[in-house]
Structure formats: C-alpha cells, structure tokens
C-alpha cells in the first residue's frame, strides 16, 4: 500500500507503519515468514466470512485487502494483514457467533475488553503470538484480523460537520491516551527514529492530561461518538476508525453498502460496489500502480510465534 504523495506529511498511522529501526525488539515480517503469516490469516478469514455468510451478517473486505483483491487477486505481495468492514450494529452479533462456533480457536476483542481498549475490533487466533505496538502489555495478542465498523453519517450538513469534529477529537484523544499508557515503548522507538520524537512526545503529554480516565473508558466514549447517527437510511456512511478517519472516509451509502464479489486467493469475497471511489480516497488515483519498493509499507512486530510452533 502506497502513500498518496511523496511530499505529503505522514499521519501517525503511516509513520508507525513505516518506522525504520535497527532495534533488536522489532521483527520484520517478510520472506518465508510472510508467506506462512498470510496463509494463517487466510484460514482465519475463511472461518470468519463463512460465519458471516451463514448468520447473514454483513461484511466486506476493507482497506488494503480490497486493494489486494482488485490489483493482485489476493494479498498485496508484501502485505501481512486482512481487514474486514462490518456494520457497527453487527459487531456484537459477529462476536457472539464466533464465540459460539469457535470459542476455543478465536478470541474476539472490542472496545469493552478491559485489556484491549480500541474502537476497531480484532479476531485473535488463540495459541499464536503477533505482538504489535498496539499490543504492549496485552496477554491476548495472537494473529489478528481487524474489524472496522461502518457507521451512519448525518445528512444534515451541520450535524455531519459537528459529528465529524467530535469523532476526530475523541479518536485523537484515545490515541493520545494509548500513547501515554505505553509511553515507555514509544520512547524506545524514538531512539531509532528521532524524526518522530516531537509527535510522540506531544501525544504522550496530551495523554497524561486525560489519564484520569482509563484507555478502556476512552475507547467506549469514542465508540459511542462514532455511532451517534442511528438512521440506517442516510445518504452517507463512513469508517471513522479507518486510516482516513472521518472526513476522508465518507462514502455514499449506495456505493459502499451495496457489494460485488471479487477474487481473493481463490475465494469470491465481497467488496464495496464503488470500490474505485473507495480506493481513490484511501490510496490516491494511481492506486493500481505498484509503488516503488522504498515506499511500500513495512510492518514490524515485537514478538512472533506461529500456532504450530507452540
């Protein structure tokens, strides 16, 4: 997945994904390790999507997984994740269905999980370890598929703008609170990447000011703000927890909620009907062009263990 322009300032998300560090604590996922990692995630996605289809739970591929389906017919060759979009109202139904069917295989995390504290959900593979920067201090940090909730957006322009500002604000505060919670880890990363020191320290400072509430409490507040619009007939929907945040992830309901099938590693899985608009907003108009190697997102882990290696 490529940045949208060489001169654009990287978001915190992109900065962390592209951190270069010689630190021994960071594990690069590539080569044969990447192939095994992708195979494991594919099997997880097969289980999750089968449950969605059986229980009639709405799903679609998300983010770079859509890009992979459209551009490569599967994984982006250097990518190491599978993401799904789920209607926010279906998140609990999916979690319950997975616990019922695969409780011994998968652990589902959401904003109410005391250990997790994030708005996006995760389906974790038990008996594995894939500890990322977001998993510092967590016991349950297996291989994960991210679940991004699709939210309703207000039609009224003023309400849409106010909702957007509220979502951006609470999302930023949650991020700062998480930075403060894991400040020792982020300060170690600063040593290998001095260009991010100012950003990290600013977020850690803001996080310290709002630390009177726990990460979990901030994630619940943020989730409530994201889900304020309950009208499922509005003209717009969006994914405020996505990489583009609220305003850059605003889509027409018709183009986003309606789906078509696309090839992904031999499967026919759902993607947004207007996937071109979706991908242009996330990755720019040239999303079909392979980025040069130096601009490809580089993912690192703190700890890695495959389930069969246990």
C-alpha atoms as a PDB file:
ATOM      1  CA  UNK A   1       0.000   0.000   0.000  1.00  0.00           C
ATOM      2  CA  UNK A   2       1.472   3.274  -1.020  1.00  0.00           C
ATOM      3  CA  UNK A   3       1.369   6.768   0.430  1.00  0.00           C
ATOM      4  CA  UNK A   4      -0.620   9.219  -1.657  1.00  0.00           C
ATOM      5  CA  UNK A   5       2.211  11.561  -2.444  1.00  0.00           C
ATOM      6  CA  UNK A   6       5.905  11.854  -1.801  1.00  0.00           C
ATOM      7  CA  UNK A   7       5.555  15.334  -0.343  1.00  0.00           C
ATOM      8  CA  UNK A   8       2.591  14.582   1.929  1.00  0.00           C
ATOM      9  CA  UNK A   9       3.168  14.645   5.650  1.00  0.00           C
ATOM     10  CA  UNK A  10       2.684  11.146   7.054  1.00  0.00           C
ATOM     11  CA  UNK A  11      -0.063  10.543   9.575  1.00  0.00           C
ATOM     12  CA  UNK A  12       0.801   8.872  12.876  1.00  0.00           C
ATOM     13  CA  UNK A  13      -0.611   5.639  11.430  1.00  0.00           C
ATOM     14  CA  UNK A  14       1.641   5.784   8.363  1.00  0.00           C
ATOM     15  CA  UNK A  15       4.642   6.940  10.374  1.00  0.00           C
ATOM     16  CA  UNK A  16       4.394   3.957  12.698  1.00  0.00           C
ATOM     17  CA  UNK A  17       3.842   1.534   9.835  1.00  0.00           C
ATOM     18  CA  UNK A  18       6.949   2.810   8.068  1.00  0.00           C
ATOM     19  CA  UNK A  19       9.306   3.216  11.009  1.00  0.00           C
ATOM     20  CA  UNK A  20      12.838   2.197  10.184  1.00  0.00           C
ATOM     21  CA  UNK A  21      14.731   0.903  13.166  1.00  0.00           C
ATOM     22  CA  UNK A  22      17.728  -1.266  13.872  1.00  0.00           C
ATOM     23  CA  UNK A  23      16.330  -2.099  17.273  1.00  0.00           C
ATOM     24  CA  UNK A  24      16.504  -5.795  18.095  1.00  0.00           C
ATOM     25  CA  UNK A  25      12.985  -5.573  19.569  1.00  0.00           C
ATOM     26  CA  UNK A  26      11.415  -5.191  16.101  1.00  0.00           C
ATOM     27  CA  UNK A  27      10.778  -8.266  13.936  1.00  0.00           C
ATOM     28  CA  UNK A  28      10.379  -7.770  10.180  1.00  0.00           C
ATOM     29  CA  UNK A  29       7.659  -9.934   8.599  1.00  0.00           C
ATOM     30  CA  UNK A  30       8.976 -10.911   5.164  1.00  0.00           C
ATOM     31  CA  UNK A  31      10.216 -13.828   3.062  1.00  0.00           C
ATOM     32  CA  UNK A  32       9.014 -17.288   4.073  1.00  0.00           C
ATOM     33  CA  UNK A  33       7.747 -15.883   7.358  1.00  0.00           C
ATOM     34  CA  UNK A  34       5.411 -13.576   5.430  1.00  0.00           C
ATOM     35  CA  UNK A  35       4.104 -16.457   3.298  1.00  0.00           C
ATOM     36  CA  UNK A  36       3.289 -18.525   6.402  1.00  0.00           C
ATOM     37  CA  UNK A  37       1.728 -15.480   8.044  1.00  0.00           C
ATOM     38  CA  UNK A  38      -0.519 -14.824   5.045  1.00  0.00           C
ATOM     39  CA  UNK A  39      -1.612 -18.476   4.910  1.00  0.00           C
ATOM     40  CA  UNK A  40      -2.635 -18.382   8.562  1.00  0.00           C
ATOM     41  CA  UNK A  41      -4.609 -15.166   8.104  1.00  0.00           C
ATOM     42  CA  UNK A  42      -6.330 -16.604   5.032  1.00  0.00           C
ATOM     43  CA  UNK A  43      -7.567 -19.594   7.030  1.00  0.00           C
ATOM     44  CA  UNK A  44      -8.843 -17.230   9.720  1.00  0.00           C
ATOM     45  CA  UNK A  45     -10.696 -15.130   7.136  1.00  0.00           C
ATOM     46  CA  UNK A  46     -12.269 -18.273   5.677  1.00  0.00           C
ATOM     47  CA  UNK A  47     -13.744 -19.126   9.086  1.00  0.00           C
ATOM     48  CA  UNK A  48     -14.947 -15.595   9.829  1.00  0.00           C
ATOM     49  CA  UNK A  49     -16.536 -14.990   6.435  1.00  0.00           C
ATOM     50  CA  UNK A  50     -18.197 -18.419   6.498  1.00  0.00           C
ATOM     51  CA  UNK A  51     -19.836 -17.452   9.811  1.00  0.00           C
ATOM     52  CA  UNK A  52     -20.906 -14.088   8.343  1.00  0.00           C
ATOM     53  CA  UNK A  53     -22.496 -15.776   5.348  1.00  0.00           C
ATOM     54  CA  UNK A  54     -24.212 -18.444   7.459  1.00  0.00           C
ATOM     55  CA  UNK A  55     -25.592 -15.972  10.002  1.00  0.00           C
ATOM     56  CA  UNK A  56     -26.363 -13.319   7.351  1.00  0.00           C
ATOM     57  CA  UNK A  57     -24.009 -10.839   8.998  1.00  0.00           C
ATOM     58  CA  UNK A  58     -22.960  -8.049   6.671  1.00  0.00           C
ATOM     59  CA  UNK A  59     -19.261  -7.978   5.795  1.00  0.00           C
ATOM     60  CA  UNK A  60     -16.927  -6.727   3.096  1.00  0.00           C
ATOM     61  CA  UNK A  61     -13.177  -6.688   2.641  1.00  0.00           C
ATOM     62  CA  UNK A  62     -11.543  -3.491   3.873  1.00  0.00           C
ATOM     63  CA  UNK A  63      -8.646  -1.173   3.070  1.00  0.00           C
ATOM     64  CA  UNK A  64      -5.551  -2.819   1.655  1.00  0.00           C
ATOM     65  CA  UNK A  65      -7.388  -6.139   1.418  1.00  0.00           C
ATOM     66  CA  UNK A  66      -9.716  -4.552  -1.176  1.00  0.00           C
ATOM     67  CA  UNK A  67      -6.686  -3.127  -2.965  1.00  0.00           C
ATOM     68  CA  UNK A  68      -5.092  -6.570  -2.956  1.00  0.00           C
ATOM     69  CA  UNK A  69      -8.237  -8.166  -4.373  1.00  0.00           C
ATOM     70  CA  UNK A  70      -8.557  -5.581  -7.160  1.00  0.00           C
ATOM     71  CA  UNK A  71      -4.874  -5.218  -8.057  1.00  0.00           C
ATOM     72  CA  UNK A  72      -3.456  -8.668  -7.255  1.00  0.00           C
ATOM     73  CA  UNK A  73      -6.389 -11.046  -6.900  1.00  0.00           C
ATOM     74  CA  UNK A  74      -5.293 -11.665  -3.310  1.00  0.00           C
ATOM     75  CA  UNK A  75      -2.710 -10.384  -0.874  1.00  0.00           C
ATOM     76  CA  UNK A  76      -0.590  -7.416  -1.765  1.00  0.00           C
ATOM     77  CA  UNK A  77       2.700  -9.365  -2.060  1.00  0.00           C
ATOM     78  CA  UNK A  78       4.407  -7.534   0.805  1.00  0.00           C
ATOM     79  CA  UNK A  79       1.301  -7.097   2.997  1.00  0.00           C
ATOM     80  CA  UNK A  80       0.658  -9.025   6.191  1.00  0.00           C
ATOM     81  CA  UNK A  81      -2.949  -8.381   7.147  1.00  0.00           C
ATOM     82  CA  UNK A  82      -6.571  -8.988   6.226  1.00  0.00           C
ATOM     83  CA  UNK A  83      -9.141  -6.377   7.217  1.00  0.00           C
ATOM     84  CA  UNK A  84     -12.931  -6.546   7.151  1.00  0.00           C
ATOM     85  CA  UNK A  85     -15.620  -3.867   7.311  1.00  0.00           C
ATOM     86  CA  UNK A  86     -18.630  -4.806   9.431  1.00  0.00           C
ATOM     87  CA  UNK A  87     -21.750  -2.731  10.068  1.00  0.00           C
ATOM     88  CA  UNK A  88     -21.375  -1.354  13.573  1.00  0.00           C
ATOM     89  CA  UNK A  89     -24.724  -2.824  14.571  1.00  0.00           C
ATOM     90  CA  UNK A  90     -23.493  -6.287  13.587  1.00  0.00           C
ATOM     91  CA  UNK A  91     -20.235  -6.249  15.540  1.00  0.00           C
ATOM     92  CA  UNK A  92     -21.756  -7.869  18.629  1.00  0.00           C
ATOM     93  CA  UNK A  93     -23.649 -10.444  16.552  1.00  0.00           C
ATOM     94  CA  UNK A  94     -20.419 -11.476  14.862  1.00  0.00           C
ATOM     95  CA  UNK A  95     -18.546 -11.657  18.166  1.00  0.00           C
ATOM     96  CA  UNK A  96     -21.280 -13.825  19.670  1.00  0.00           C
ATOM     97  CA  UNK A  97     -21.411 -16.103  16.628  1.00  0.00           C
ATOM     98  CA  UNK A  98     -17.647 -16.598  16.618  1.00  0.00           C
ATOM     99  CA  UNK A  99     -17.568 -17.346  20.335  1.00  0.00           C
ATOM    100  CA  UNK A 100     -20.334 -19.901  19.871  1.00  0.00           C
ATOM    101  CA  UNK A 101     -18.727 -21.614  16.881  1.00  0.00           C
ATOM    102  CA  UNK A 102     -15.011 -21.114  17.510  1.00  0.00           C
ATOM    103  CA  UNK A 103     -14.648 -20.169  21.167  1.00  0.00           C
ATOM    104  CA  UNK A 104     -11.676 -22.481  21.570  1.00  0.00           C
ATOM    105  CA  UNK A 105      -9.976 -21.185  18.417  1.00  0.00           C
ATOM    106  CA  UNK A 106     -10.612 -17.440  18.361  1.00  0.00           C
ATOM    107  CA  UNK A 107     -10.736 -14.606  20.881  1.00  0.00           C
ATOM    108  CA  UNK A 108     -12.761 -11.526  19.875  1.00  0.00           C
ATOM    109  CA  UNK A 109     -11.709  -8.095  21.149  1.00  0.00           C
ATOM    110  CA  UNK A 110     -13.633  -4.815  21.100  1.00  0.00           C
ATOM    111  CA  UNK A 111     -13.828  -1.500  22.937  1.00  0.00           C
ATOM    112  CA  UNK A 112     -15.386  -3.127  26.014  1.00  0.00           C
ATOM    113  CA  UNK A 113     -12.487  -5.531  26.512  1.00  0.00           C
ATOM    114  CA  UNK A 114     -10.599  -4.233  29.604  1.00  0.00           C
ATOM    115  CA  UNK A 115      -7.250  -5.290  28.153  1.00  0.00           C
ATOM    116  CA  UNK A 116      -7.813  -4.070  24.593  1.00  0.00           C
ATOM    117  CA  UNK A 117      -9.300  -0.576  24.589  1.00  0.00           C
ATOM    118  CA  UNK A 118      -9.737   0.266  20.902  1.00  0.00           C
ATOM    119  CA  UNK A 119     -12.656   1.089  18.627  1.00  0.00           C
ATOM    120  CA  UNK A 120     -11.783  -1.343  15.859  1.00  0.00           C
ATOM    121  CA  UNK A 121     -12.435  -4.967  16.710  1.00  0.00           C
ATOM    122  CA  UNK A 122      -9.994  -7.842  16.366  1.00  0.00           C
ATOM    123  CA  UNK A 123     -10.435 -11.567  15.926  1.00  0.00           C
ATOM    124  CA  UNK A 124      -7.378 -13.208  17.517  1.00  0.00           C
ATOM    125  CA  UNK A 125      -6.076 -16.705  16.854  1.00  0.00           C
ATOM    126  CA  UNK A 126      -5.541 -18.478  20.153  1.00  0.00           C
ATOM    127  CA  UNK A 127      -2.210 -20.226  20.660  1.00  0.00           C
ATOM    128  CA  UNK A 128      -0.317 -17.750  18.480  1.00  0.00           C
ATOM    129  CA  UNK A 129       1.578 -14.522  19.144  1.00  0.00           C
ATOM    130  CA  UNK A 130       1.857 -11.499  16.854  1.00  0.00           C
ATOM    131  CA  UNK A 131       2.543  -8.683  19.280  1.00  0.00           C
ATOM    132  CA  UNK A 132       2.486  -5.266  17.626  1.00  0.00           C
ATOM    133  CA  UNK A 133       2.906  -1.769  19.014  1.00  0.00           C
ATOM    134  CA  UNK A 134      -0.802  -1.767  19.932  1.00  0.00           C
ATOM    135  CA  UNK A 135      -0.438  -4.937  21.979  1.00  0.00           C
ATOM    136  CA  UNK A 136       2.154  -3.841  24.508  1.00  0.00           C
ATOM    137  CA  UNK A 137       1.170  -5.268  27.872  1.00  0.00           C
ATOM    138  CA  UNK A 138      -1.619  -7.480  26.477  1.00  0.00           C
ATOM    139  CA  UNK A 139      -1.863 -11.167  27.258  1.00  0.00           C
ATOM    140  CA  UNK A 140      -4.070 -11.968  24.247  1.00  0.00           C
ATOM    141  CA  UNK A 141      -2.074 -10.835  21.210  1.00  0.00           C
ATOM    142  CA  UNK A 142      -2.384 -13.618  18.643  1.00  0.00           C
ATOM    143  CA  UNK A 143      -2.588 -13.284  14.875  1.00  0.00           C
ATOM    144  CA  UNK A 144      -5.420 -10.859  14.181  1.00  0.00           C
ATOM    145  CA  UNK A 145      -7.948  -9.841  11.580  1.00  0.00           C
ATOM    146  CA  UNK A 146      -9.156  -6.276  12.107  1.00  0.00           C
ATOM    147  CA  UNK A 147     -12.863  -5.435  12.060  1.00  0.00           C
ATOM    148  CA  UNK A 148     -13.690  -1.857  11.074  1.00  0.00           C
ATOM    149  CA  UNK A 149     -17.239  -0.715  11.925  1.00  0.00           C
ATOM    150  CA  UNK A 150     -19.202   1.054   9.174  1.00  0.00           C
ATOM    151  CA  UNK A 151     -21.140   3.939  10.714  1.00  0.00           C
ATOM    152  CA  UNK A 152     -24.094   6.041   9.556  1.00  0.00           C
ATOM    153  CA  UNK A 153     -23.321   9.699   8.819  1.00  0.00           C
ATOM    154  CA  UNK A 154     -25.841  12.519   9.177  1.00  0.00           C
ATOM    155  CA  UNK A 155     -27.370  14.038   6.029  1.00  0.00           C
ATOM    156  CA  UNK A 156     -27.741  17.482   7.592  1.00  0.00           C
ATOM    157  CA  UNK A 157     -24.514  19.386   6.714  1.00  0.00           C
ATOM    158  CA  UNK A 158     -24.148  20.989  10.139  1.00  0.00           C
ATOM    159  CA  UNK A 159     -24.761  17.723  12.007  1.00  0.00           C
ATOM    160  CA  UNK A 160     -22.366  15.954   9.649  1.00  0.00           C
ATOM    161  CA  UNK A 161     -19.643  18.508  10.372  1.00  0.00           C
ATOM    162  CA  UNK A 162     -20.257  18.521  14.133  1.00  0.00           C
ATOM    163  CA  UNK A 163     -20.266  14.733  14.201  1.00  0.00           C
ATOM    164  CA  UNK A 164     -17.032  14.682  12.233  1.00  0.00           C
ATOM    165  CA  UNK A 165     -15.280  17.101  14.571  1.00  0.00           C
ATOM    166  CA  UNK A 166     -16.461  15.114  17.592  1.00  0.00           C
ATOM    167  CA  UNK A 167     -15.255  11.824  16.082  1.00  0.00           C
ATOM    168  CA  UNK A 168     -11.897  13.276  15.070  1.00  0.00           C
ATOM    169  CA  UNK A 169     -11.453  14.801  18.516  1.00  0.00           C
ATOM    170  CA  UNK A 170     -12.321  11.730  20.568  1.00  0.00           C
ATOM    171  CA  UNK A 171     -10.341   9.480  18.223  1.00  0.00           C
ATOM    172  CA  UNK A 172      -7.287  11.696  18.669  1.00  0.00           C
ATOM    173  CA  UNK A 173      -7.673  11.739  22.448  1.00  0.00           C
ATOM    174  CA  UNK A 174      -7.982   7.946  22.536  1.00  0.00           C
ATOM    175  CA  UNK A 175      -4.785   7.682  20.512  1.00  0.00           C
ATOM    176  CA  UNK A 176      -3.006  10.047  22.910  1.00  0.00           C
ATOM    177  CA  UNK A 177      -4.259   8.103  25.909  1.00  0.00           C
ATOM    178  CA  UNK A 178      -2.898   4.885  24.392  1.00  0.00           C
ATOM    179  CA  UNK A 179       0.437   6.581  23.736  1.00  0.00           C
ATOM    180  CA  UNK A 180       0.625   7.624  27.371  1.00  0.00           C
ATOM    181  CA  UNK A 181      -0.322   4.133  28.521  1.00  0.00           C
ATOM    182  CA  UNK A 182       2.564   2.663  26.505  1.00  0.00           C
ATOM    183  CA  UNK A 183       4.919   5.633  26.778  1.00  0.00           C
ATOM    184  CA  UNK A 184       7.980   3.551  27.704  1.00  0.00           C
ATOM    185  CA  UNK A 185       7.671   1.562  24.489  1.00  0.00           C
ATOM    186  CA  UNK A 186       7.172   4.635  22.289  1.00  0.00           C
ATOM    187  CA  UNK A 187      10.155   6.362  23.864  1.00  0.00           C
ATOM    188  CA  UNK A 188      12.289   3.364  22.948  1.00  0.00           C
ATOM    189  CA  UNK A 189      11.101   3.728  19.368  1.00  0.00           C
ATOM    190  CA  UNK A 190      12.119   7.388  19.421  1.00  0.00           C
ATOM    191  CA  UNK A 191      15.743   6.308  19.834  1.00  0.00           C
ATOM    192  CA  UNK A 192      15.614   4.560  16.466  1.00  0.00           C
ATOM    193  CA  UNK A 193      13.546   7.256  14.756  1.00  0.00           C
ATOM    194  CA  UNK A 194      14.353  10.763  16.018  1.00  0.00           C
ATOM    195  CA  UNK A 195      12.130  12.293  13.313  1.00  0.00           C
ATOM    196  CA  UNK A 196       9.031  11.179  15.234  1.00  0.00           C
ATOM    197  CA  UNK A 197      10.147  12.294  18.690  1.00  0.00           C
ATOM    198  CA  UNK A 198       8.157  15.548  18.643  1.00  0.00           C
ATOM    199  CA  UNK A 199       4.951  13.783  17.529  1.00  0.00           C
ATOM    200  CA  UNK A 200       5.302  11.036  20.112  1.00  0.00           C
ATOM    201  CA  UNK A 201       6.091  13.388  22.982  1.00  0.00           C
ATOM    202  CA  UNK A 202       3.164  15.662  22.132  1.00  0.00           C
ATOM    203  CA  UNK A 203       0.759  12.733  22.164  1.00  0.00           C
ATOM    204  CA  UNK A 204       2.236  11.355  25.376  1.00  0.00           C
ATOM    205  CA  UNK A 205       1.833  14.768  27.031  1.00  0.00           C
ATOM    206  CA  UNK A 206      -1.805  15.117  25.940  1.00  0.00           C
ATOM    207  CA  UNK A 207      -2.427  11.553  27.060  1.00  0.00           C
ATOM    208  CA  UNK A 208      -1.082  12.379  30.520  1.00  0.00           C
ATOM    209  CA  UNK A 209      -3.607  15.225  30.840  1.00  0.00           C
ATOM    210  CA  UNK A 210      -6.558  12.892  30.200  1.00  0.00           C
ATOM    211  CA  UNK A 211      -5.239   9.882  32.105  1.00  0.00           C
ATOM    212  CA  UNK A 212      -7.920  10.368  34.770  1.00  0.00           C
ATOM    213  CA  UNK A 213      -9.956   8.042  32.511  1.00  0.00           C
ATOM    214  CA  UNK A 214      -8.677   4.611  31.503  1.00  0.00           C
ATOM    215  CA  UNK A 215      -7.910   3.597  27.921  1.00  0.00           C
ATOM    216  CA  UNK A 216     -10.975   1.351  28.019  1.00  0.00           C
ATOM    217  CA  UNK A 217     -13.205   4.213  29.126  1.00  0.00           C
ATOM    218  CA  UNK A 218     -11.876   6.480  26.356  1.00  0.00           C
ATOM    219  CA  UNK A 219     -12.458   3.730  23.786  1.00  0.00           C
ATOM    220  CA  UNK A 220     -16.067   3.327  24.927  1.00  0.00           C
ATOM    221  CA  UNK A 221     -16.613   7.104  24.712  1.00  0.00           C
ATOM    222  CA  UNK A 222     -15.056   7.208  21.245  1.00  0.00           C
ATOM    223  CA  UNK A 223     -17.154   4.282  20.053  1.00  0.00           C
ATOM    224  CA  UNK A 224     -20.315   5.984  21.317  1.00  0.00           C
ATOM    225  CA  UNK A 225     -19.408   9.157  19.409  1.00  0.00           C
ATOM    226  CA  UNK A 226     -18.724   7.224  16.214  1.00  0.00           C
ATOM    227  CA  UNK A 227     -22.148   5.535  16.464  1.00  0.00           C
ATOM    228  CA  UNK A 228     -24.238   8.637  17.235  1.00  0.00           C
ATOM    229  CA  UNK A 229     -26.208   8.516  13.984  1.00  0.00           C
ATOM    230  CA  UNK A 230     -28.653   5.588  14.188  1.00  0.00           C
ATOM    231  CA  UNK A 231     -30.511   6.315  10.937  1.00  0.00           C
ATOM    232  CA  UNK A 232     -29.736   3.491   8.501  1.00  0.00           C
ATOM    233  CA  UNK A 233     -31.337   5.374   5.601  1.00  0.00           C
ATOM    234  CA  UNK A 234     -28.974   8.332   5.391  1.00  0.00           C
ATOM    235  CA  UNK A 235     -27.243   9.006   2.081  1.00  0.00           C
ATOM    236  CA  UNK A 236     -23.763   8.683   3.558  1.00  0.00           C
ATOM    237  CA  UNK A 237     -21.829   6.193   5.622  1.00  0.00           C
ATOM    238  CA  UNK A 238     -18.223   6.094   6.729  1.00  0.00           C
ATOM    239  CA  UNK A 239     -15.464   4.444   8.707  1.00  0.00           C
ATOM    240  CA  UNK A 240     -14.235   6.989  11.270  1.00  0.00           C
ATOM    241  CA  UNK A 241     -11.847   4.423  12.778  1.00  0.00           C
ATOM    242  CA  UNK A 242     -10.165   3.819   9.421  1.00  0.00           C
ATOM    243  CA  UNK A 243      -6.836   5.132   8.202  1.00  0.00           C
ATOM    244  CA  UNK A 244      -8.538   8.130   6.549  1.00  0.00           C
ATOM    245  CA  UNK A 245     -10.587   8.964   9.667  1.00  0.00           C
ATOM    246  CA  UNK A 246     -13.992  10.622   9.470  1.00  0.00           C
ATOM    247  CA  UNK A 247     -13.919  13.103   6.600  1.00  0.00           C
ATOM    248  CA  UNK A 248     -11.630  11.176   4.244  1.00  0.00           C
ATOM    249  CA  UNK A 249     -13.693   8.051   4.817  1.00  0.00           C
ATOM    250  CA  UNK A 250     -17.088   9.436   3.845  1.00  0.00           C
ATOM    251  CA  UNK A 251     -18.862   7.379   1.186  1.00  0.00           C
ATOM    252  CA  UNK A 252     -22.258   7.229  -0.483  1.00  0.00           C
ATOM    253  CA  UNK A 253     -24.436   4.556   1.088  1.00  0.00           C
ATOM    254  CA  UNK A 254     -25.320   3.231  -2.346  1.00  0.00           C
ATOM    255  CA  UNK A 255     -21.701   2.814  -3.424  1.00  0.00           C
ATOM    256  CA  UNK A 256     -20.383   1.499  -0.123  1.00  0.00           C
ATOM    257  CA  UNK A 257     -23.089  -0.725   1.326  1.00  0.00           C
ATOM    258  CA  UNK A 258     -24.011  -2.418  -1.949  1.00  0.00           C
ATOM    259  CA  UNK A 259     -21.420  -5.076  -2.728  1.00  0.00           C
ATOM    260  CA  UNK A 260     -19.894  -7.035  -5.561  1.00  0.00           C
ATOM    261  CA  UNK A 261     -17.727 -10.140  -5.412  1.00  0.00           C
ATOM    262  CA  UNK A 262     -14.001 -10.067  -6.120  1.00  0.00           C
ATOM    263  CA  UNK A 263     -11.307 -12.735  -6.253  1.00  0.00           C
ATOM    264  CA  UNK A 264      -9.103 -13.078  -3.202  1.00  0.00           C
ATOM    265  CA  UNK A 265      -6.693 -16.010  -3.149  1.00  0.00           C
ATOM    266  CA  UNK A 266      -9.179 -18.312  -4.876  1.00  0.00           C
ATOM    267  CA  UNK A 267     -12.225 -17.060  -2.969  1.00  0.00           C
ATOM    268  CA  UNK A 268     -15.069 -14.839  -4.124  1.00  0.00           C
ATOM    269  CA  UNK A 269     -15.485 -12.332  -1.327  1.00  0.00           C
ATOM    270  CA  UNK A 270     -17.480  -9.104  -1.059  1.00  0.00           C
ATOM    271  CA  UNK A 271     -16.029  -5.637  -1.658  1.00  0.00           C
ATOM    272  CA  UNK A 272     -17.805  -2.251  -1.949  1.00  0.00           C
ATOM    273  CA  UNK A 273     -19.703  -1.821  -5.218  1.00  0.00           C
ATOM    274  CA  UNK A 274     -17.998   1.534  -5.829  1.00  0.00           C
ATOM    275  CA  UNK A 275     -14.549   0.195  -4.934  1.00  0.00           C
ATOM    276  CA  UNK A 276     -12.889   2.715  -7.260  1.00  0.00           C
ATOM    277  CA  UNK A 277     -14.105   5.663  -5.172  1.00  0.00           C
ATOM    278  CA  UNK A 278     -13.187   3.778  -2.008  1.00  0.00           C
ATOM    279  CA  UNK A 279      -9.639   3.031  -3.145  1.00  0.00           C
ATOM    280  CA  UNK A 280      -9.059   6.500  -4.611  1.00  0.00           C
ATOM    281  CA  UNK A 281      -9.932   8.091  -1.276  1.00  0.00           C
ATOM    282  CA  UNK A 282      -7.600   5.776   0.627  1.00  0.00           C
ATOM    283  CA  UNK A 283      -4.653   5.441  -1.766  1.00  0.00           C
ATOM    284  CA  UNK A 284      -4.982   8.114  -4.442  1.00  0.00           C
ATOM    285  CA  UNK A 285      -5.950   7.974  -8.102  1.00  0.00           C
ATOM    286  CA  UNK A 286      -2.952   5.834  -9.060  1.00  0.00           C
ATOM    287  CA  UNK A 287      -3.851   3.004  -6.681  1.00  0.00           C
ATOM    288  CA  UNK A 288      -3.395   0.428  -9.470  1.00  0.00           C
ATOM    289  CA  UNK A 289       0.248   1.436  -9.893  1.00  0.00           C
ATOM    290  CA  UNK A 290       2.758  -0.522  -7.848  1.00  0.00           C
ATOM    291  CA  UNK A 291       4.699   1.818  -5.536  1.00  0.00           C
ATOM    292  CA  UNK A 292       8.498   1.689  -5.642  1.00  0.00           C
ATOM    293  CA  UNK A 293       9.992  -0.646  -3.070  1.00  0.00           C
ATOM    294  CA  UNK A 294      11.180   2.153  -0.787  1.00  0.00           C
ATOM    295  CA  UNK A 295       7.593   3.462  -0.462  1.00  0.00           C
ATOM    296  CA  UNK A 296       5.944   0.176   0.464  1.00  0.00           C
ATOM    297  CA  UNK A 297       4.612  -0.079   3.987  1.00  0.00           C
ATOM    298  CA  UNK A 298       6.965  -2.026   6.215  1.00  0.00           C
ATOM    299  CA  UNK A 299       5.373  -3.866   9.109  1.00  0.00           C
ATOM    300  CA  UNK A 300       7.200  -4.833  12.275  1.00  0.00           C
ATOM    301  CA  UNK A 301       6.258  -6.970  15.249  1.00  0.00           C
ATOM    302  CA  UNK A 302       7.635  -7.118  18.755  1.00  0.00           C
ATOM    303  CA  UNK A 303       7.027 -10.850  19.162  1.00  0.00           C
ATOM    304  CA  UNK A 304       6.013 -13.594  16.731  1.00  0.00           C
ATOM    305  CA  UNK A 305       5.017 -17.219  17.253  1.00  0.00           C
ATOM    306  CA  UNK A 306       3.016 -19.387  14.854  1.00  0.00           C
ATOM    307  CA  UNK A 307       0.386 -21.661  16.422  1.00  0.00           C
ATOM    308  CA  UNK A 308       2.041 -24.816  15.079  1.00  0.00           C
ATOM    309  CA  UNK A 309       5.332 -23.776  16.707  1.00  0.00           C
ATOM    310  CA  UNK A 310       3.855 -23.789  20.199  1.00  0.00           C
END
